[in-house]
Amino acid sequence: MPYKKKQLPKYCRHKSSGRAFVRIGGKMYYLGKYGSEASRREYDRIIGEFIANGRSRYLPANHYEKPTSKYIVQRKKSVYEGSS
């Protein structure tokens, strides 16, 4: 069932992690730290795609690319180096 014309998915807070998310078609899209300017911009971008896609419950499959193994290694490395 499609969303009503005036109904938009809400900007929400994930209580345990403190991250912002929006749920579209049962899928949660994490946006960043709740209340941050970056998370609000990401919310606006995703909602823009949602509206451009005809308010379909599903965003295009290529909405997010899967992270590469190089990115994951760099991310873990930066986390471990930052905690020293």
Protein backbone atom coordinates (compact mmCIF):
# COMPACT_ATOMS: atom_id res chain seq x y z
CA MET A 1 0.00 0.00 0.00
CA PRO A 2 1.56 3.35 -0.98
CA TYR A 3 2.02 6.22 1.43
CA LYS A 4 -0.65 8.90 1.52
CA LYS A 5 0.17 12.10 -0.37
CA LYS A 6 0.96 14.18 2.73
CA GLN A 7 2.48 11.38 4.79
CA LEU A 8 6.28 11.22 4.97
CA PRO A 9 8.43 8.75 6.90
CA LYS A 10 9.54 10.29 10.19
CA TYR A 11 13.02 11.27 11.34
CA CYS A 12 13.55 8.96 14.33
CA ARG A 13 16.11 8.26 17.06
CA HIS A 14 17.50 4.79 17.72
CA LYS A 15 17.52 4.78 21.53
CA SER A 16 20.36 2.36 22.20
CA SER A 17 22.83 3.78 19.65
CA GLY A 18 21.74 7.43 19.58
CA ARG A 19 21.70 7.41 15.78
CA ALA A 20 19.01 8.91 13.59
CA PHE A 21 17.14 6.71 11.14
CA VAL A 22 14.20 6.71 8.78
CA ARG A 23 12.16 3.59 8.05
CA ILE A 24 10.91 3.14 4.49
CA GLY A 25 9.18 -0.06 3.47
CA GLY A 26 10.27 -1.79 6.66
CA LYS A 27 13.96 -1.05 6.02
CA MET A 28 15.87 1.24 8.37
CA TYR A 29 18.21 3.78 6.79
CA TYR A 30 20.70 5.10 9.34
CA LEU A 31 21.51 8.78 8.92
CA GLY A 32 24.23 9.57 11.47
CA LYS A 33 24.19 11.07 14.96
CA TYR A 34 20.65 12.08 15.97
CA GLY A 35 20.05 15.81 15.75
CA SER A 36 23.21 16.57 13.77
CA GLU A 37 23.18 18.76 10.68
CA ALA A 38 24.64 15.88 8.63
CA SER A 39 21.84 13.49 9.65
CA ARG A 40 19.20 16.08 8.74
CA ARG A 41 20.80 16.55 5.29
CA GLU A 42 20.88 12.78 4.77
CA TYR A 43 17.22 12.56 5.82
CA ASP A 44 16.32 15.29 3.32
CA ARG A 45 18.26 13.46 0.59
CA ILE A 46 16.57 10.12 1.26
CA ILE A 47 13.11 11.71 1.47
CA GLY A 48 13.86 13.49 -1.83
CA GLU A 49 14.62 10.12 -3.44
CA PHE A 50 11.49 8.67 -1.84
CA ILE A 51 9.30 11.42 -3.36
CA ALA A 52 11.07 11.25 -6.73
CA ASN A 53 10.46 7.50 -6.77
CA GLY A 54 6.69 8.08 -6.61
CA ARG A 55 6.45 7.61 -2.85
CA SER A 56 7.11 3.93 -3.32
CA ARG A 57 7.83 1.96 -0.16
CA TYR A 58 11.09 0.78 -1.73
CA LEU A 59 14.05 2.88 -2.75
CA PRO A 60 16.08 1.71 -5.76
CA ALA A 61 18.27 -1.33 -5.06
CA ASN A 62 21.44 0.64 -5.73
CA HIS A 63 20.57 3.23 -3.07
CA TYR A 64 23.61 2.32 -0.98
CA GLU A 65 26.68 0.57 -2.23
CA LYS A 66 28.12 -2.17 -0.07
CA PRO A 67 31.35 -1.16 1.66
CA THR A 68 34.53 -2.58 0.15
CA SER A 69 36.91 -4.68 2.21
CA LYS A 70 39.52 -1.91 1.87
CA TYR A 71 37.09 0.57 3.46
CA ILE A 72 36.30 -1.84 6.31
CA VAL A 73 40.00 -2.41 7.07
CA GLN A 74 40.71 1.34 7.02
CA ARG A 75 37.72 2.02 9.28
CA LYS A 76 38.75 -0.62 11.84
CA LYS A 77 42.32 0.62 11.74
CA SER A 78 41.23 4.20 12.46
CA VAL A 79 39.01 3.04 15.34
CA TYR A 80 41.84 1.06 16.97
CA GLU A 81 44.38 3.85 16.48
CA GLY A 82 41.96 6.39 17.93
CA SER A 83 41.37 4.40 21.12
CA SER A 84 45.07 4.28 22.14
